[in-house]
Amino acid sequence: MTMDDEVLEKIRINGGSAHVQRLANLMHIGFDYARSILYSLGRRDFIDIGRDEVAVLTDKGKERLEKAIQKNFAPTFDELEKAAMDRRMKPYREKKG
């Protein structure tokens, strides 16, 4: 996952909103770096960020996060192919053992 996706995930885990300082602490990054990431996400409408510097996850941000999670945790074609081969070979391995 990208840093943007990790920030969105931390906001989601925090109940859908988080202050800049809270995110900086959760991610072990500097306050200014956290703020720059949040403002970047806000310009792209993944979060709403108010004057109090509390970031709130938007529907667009939730969609991006879901896609990132699926991309990172979905099996690849090679992994699926290997699993299929393992299932096909299982009866032959059991006879030998």
C-alpha atoms as a PDB file:
ATOM      1  CA  MET A   1       0.000   0.000   0.000  1.00  0.00           C
ATOM      2  CA  THR A   2       1.090   3.538  -0.627  1.00  0.00           C
ATOM      3  CA  MET A   3       1.576   6.083   2.149  1.00  0.00           C
ATOM      4  CA  ASP A   4      -1.733   7.684   1.109  1.00  0.00           C
ATOM      5  CA  ASP A   5      -3.486   4.333   1.492  1.00  0.00           C
ATOM      6  CA  GLU A   6      -1.872   3.757   4.884  1.00  0.00           C
ATOM      7  CA  VAL A   7      -3.102   7.159   6.070  1.00  0.00           C
ATOM      8  CA  LEU A   8      -6.620   6.374   4.846  1.00  0.00           C
ATOM      9  CA  GLU A   9      -6.456   3.033   6.665  1.00  0.00           C
ATOM     10  CA  LYS A  10      -5.371   4.724   9.929  1.00  0.00           C
ATOM     11  CA  ILE A  11      -8.258   7.176   9.612  1.00  0.00           C
ATOM     12  CA  ARG A  12     -10.677   4.269   9.044  1.00  0.00           C
ATOM     13  CA  ILE A  13      -9.300   2.351  12.033  1.00  0.00           C
ATOM     14  CA  ASN A  14      -9.629   5.504  14.145  1.00  0.00           C
ATOM     15  CA  GLY A  15     -13.389   5.578  13.525  1.00  0.00           C
ATOM     16  CA  GLY A  16     -13.456   7.463  10.232  1.00  0.00           C
ATOM     17  CA  SER A  17     -11.828  10.660  11.477  1.00  0.00           C
ATOM     18  CA  ALA A  18      -8.547  11.684  13.062  1.00  0.00           C
ATOM     19  CA  HIS A  19      -6.607  14.812  13.974  1.00  0.00           C
ATOM     20  CA  VAL A  20      -3.310  15.456  12.183  1.00  0.00           C
ATOM     21  CA  GLN A  21      -1.315  14.972  15.394  1.00  0.00           C
ATOM     22  CA  ARG A  22      -3.030  11.639  16.097  1.00  0.00           C
ATOM     23  CA  LEU A  23      -2.157  10.382  12.607  1.00  0.00           C
ATOM     24  CA  ALA A  24       1.435  11.557  12.937  1.00  0.00           C
ATOM     25  CA  ASN A  25       1.723   9.620  16.206  1.00  0.00           C
ATOM     26  CA  LEU A  26       0.034   6.490  14.824  1.00  0.00           C
ATOM     27  CA  MET A  27       2.294   6.430  11.779  1.00  0.00           C
ATOM     28  CA  HIS A  28       5.488   7.543  13.522  1.00  0.00           C
ATOM     29  CA  ILE A  29       5.972  10.452  11.129  1.00  0.00           C
ATOM     30  CA  GLY A  30       6.412  14.171  11.658  1.00  0.00           C
ATOM     31  CA  PHE A  31       3.478  16.515  12.130  1.00  0.00           C
ATOM     32  CA  ASP A  32       4.303  18.581   9.016  1.00  0.00           C
ATOM     33  CA  TYR A  33       4.652  15.463   6.865  1.00  0.00           C
ATOM     34  CA  ALA A  34       1.317  14.118   8.134  1.00  0.00           C
ATOM     35  CA  ARG A  35      -0.329  17.467   7.428  1.00  0.00           C
ATOM     36  CA  SER A  36       1.063  17.604   3.881  1.00  0.00           C
ATOM     37  CA  ILE A  37      -0.267  14.093   3.161  1.00  0.00           C
ATOM     38  CA  LEU A  38      -3.687  15.016   4.549  1.00  0.00           C
ATOM     39  CA  TYR A  39      -3.932  18.206   2.521  1.00  0.00           C
ATOM     40  CA  SER A  40      -2.946  16.258  -0.588  1.00  0.00           C
ATOM     41  CA  LEU A  41      -5.660  13.682   0.127  1.00  0.00           C
ATOM     42  CA  GLY A  42      -8.118  16.498   0.761  1.00  0.00           C
ATOM     43  CA  ARG A  43      -7.378  18.178  -2.586  1.00  0.00           C
ATOM     44  CA  ARG A  44      -8.229  14.873  -4.276  1.00  0.00           C
ATOM     45  CA  ASP A  45     -11.464  14.518  -2.238  1.00  0.00           C
ATOM     46  CA  PHE A  46     -10.405  11.333  -0.396  1.00  0.00           C
ATOM     47  CA  ILE A  47     -10.907  13.135   2.925  1.00  0.00           C
ATOM     48  CA  ASP A  48     -12.527  16.284   4.216  1.00  0.00           C
ATOM     49  CA  ILE A  49     -10.224  18.312   6.433  1.00  0.00           C
ATOM     50  CA  GLY A  50     -11.472  21.239   8.462  1.00  0.00           C
ATOM     51  CA  ARG A  51      -9.797  24.228  10.049  1.00  0.00           C
ATOM     52  CA  ASP A  52      -9.377  22.183  13.226  1.00  0.00           C
ATOM     53  CA  GLU A  53      -7.175  19.811  11.163  1.00  0.00           C
ATOM     54  CA  VAL A  54      -9.444  16.809  11.714  1.00  0.00           C
ATOM     55  CA  ALA A  55      -9.537  14.545   8.682  1.00  0.00           C
ATOM     56  CA  VAL A  56     -12.792  12.750   7.880  1.00  0.00           C
ATOM     57  CA  LEU A  57     -12.854   9.883   5.380  1.00  0.00           C
ATOM     58  CA  THR A  58     -15.148  10.522   2.380  1.00  0.00           C
ATOM     59  CA  ASP A  59     -16.969   7.940   0.283  1.00  0.00           C
ATOM     60  CA  LYS A  60     -14.335   8.404  -2.427  1.00  0.00           C
ATOM     61  CA  GLY A  61     -11.614   7.746   0.159  1.00  0.00           C
ATOM     62  CA  LYS A  62     -13.387   4.592   1.333  1.00  0.00           C
ATOM     63  CA  GLU A  63     -13.585   3.343  -2.258  1.00  0.00           C
ATOM     64  CA  ARG A  64      -9.876   3.975  -2.824  1.00  0.00           C
ATOM     65  CA  LEU A  65      -9.025   2.155   0.390  1.00  0.00           C
ATOM     66  CA  GLU A  66     -11.144  -0.853  -0.558  1.00  0.00           C
ATOM     67  CA  LYS A  67      -9.401  -1.069  -3.938  1.00  0.00           C
ATOM     68  CA  ALA A  68      -5.988  -0.856  -2.285  1.00  0.00           C
ATOM     69  CA  ILE A  69      -6.874  -3.591   0.183  1.00  0.00           C
ATOM     70  CA  GLN A  70      -8.183  -5.862  -2.579  1.00  0.00           C
ATOM     71  CA  LYS A  71      -5.097  -5.210  -4.684  1.00  0.00           C
ATOM     72  CA  ASN A  72      -2.716  -5.992  -1.832  1.00  0.00           C
ATOM     73  CA  PHE A  73      -4.504  -8.996  -0.400  1.00  0.00           C
ATOM     74  CA  ALA A  74      -6.060 -10.654  -3.440  1.00  0.00           C
ATOM     75  CA  PRO A  75      -4.111 -13.641  -4.714  1.00  0.00           C
ATOM     76  CA  THR A  76      -2.147 -13.182  -7.903  1.00  0.00           C
ATOM     77  CA  PHE A  77      -2.691 -15.361 -10.962  1.00  0.00           C
ATOM     78  CA  ASP A  78       0.538 -17.267 -10.190  1.00  0.00           C
ATOM     79  CA  GLU A  79      -0.628 -17.957  -6.638  1.00  0.00           C
ATOM     80  CA  LEU A  80      -3.984 -19.227  -7.901  1.00  0.00           C
ATOM     81  CA  GLU A  81      -2.266 -21.423 -10.506  1.00  0.00           C
ATOM     82  CA  LYS A  82       0.071 -22.903  -7.879  1.00  0.00           C
ATOM     83  CA  ALA A  83      -2.866 -23.643  -5.568  1.00  0.00           C
ATOM     84  CA  ALA A  84      -4.730 -25.368  -8.407  1.00  0.00           C
ATOM     85  CA  MET A  85      -1.645 -27.461  -9.230  1.00  0.00           C
ATOM     86  CA  ASP A  86      -1.245 -28.401  -5.563  1.00  0.00           C
ATOM     87  CA  ARG A  87      -4.864 -29.586  -5.443  1.00  0.00           C
ATOM     88  CA  ARG A  88      -4.387 -31.658  -8.606  1.00  0.00           C
ATOM     89  CA  MET A  89      -1.182 -33.248  -7.282  1.00  0.00           C
ATOM     90  CA  LYS A  90      -2.465 -33.951  -3.761  1.00  0.00           C
ATOM     91  CA  PRO A  91      -3.883 -37.445  -4.520  1.00  0.00           C
ATOM     92  CA  TYR A  92      -0.545 -38.548  -6.030  1.00  0.00           C
ATOM     93  CA  ARG A  93       1.442 -37.286  -3.050  1.00  0.00           C
ATOM     94  CA  GLU A  94      -0.841 -39.104  -0.614  1.00  0.00           C
ATOM     95  CA  LYS A  95      -0.331 -42.444  -2.402  1.00  0.00           C
ATOM     96  CA  LYS A  96       3.458 -42.136  -2.187  1.00  0.00           C
ATOM     97  CA  GLY A  97       3.461 -41.199   1.498  1.00  0.00           C
END
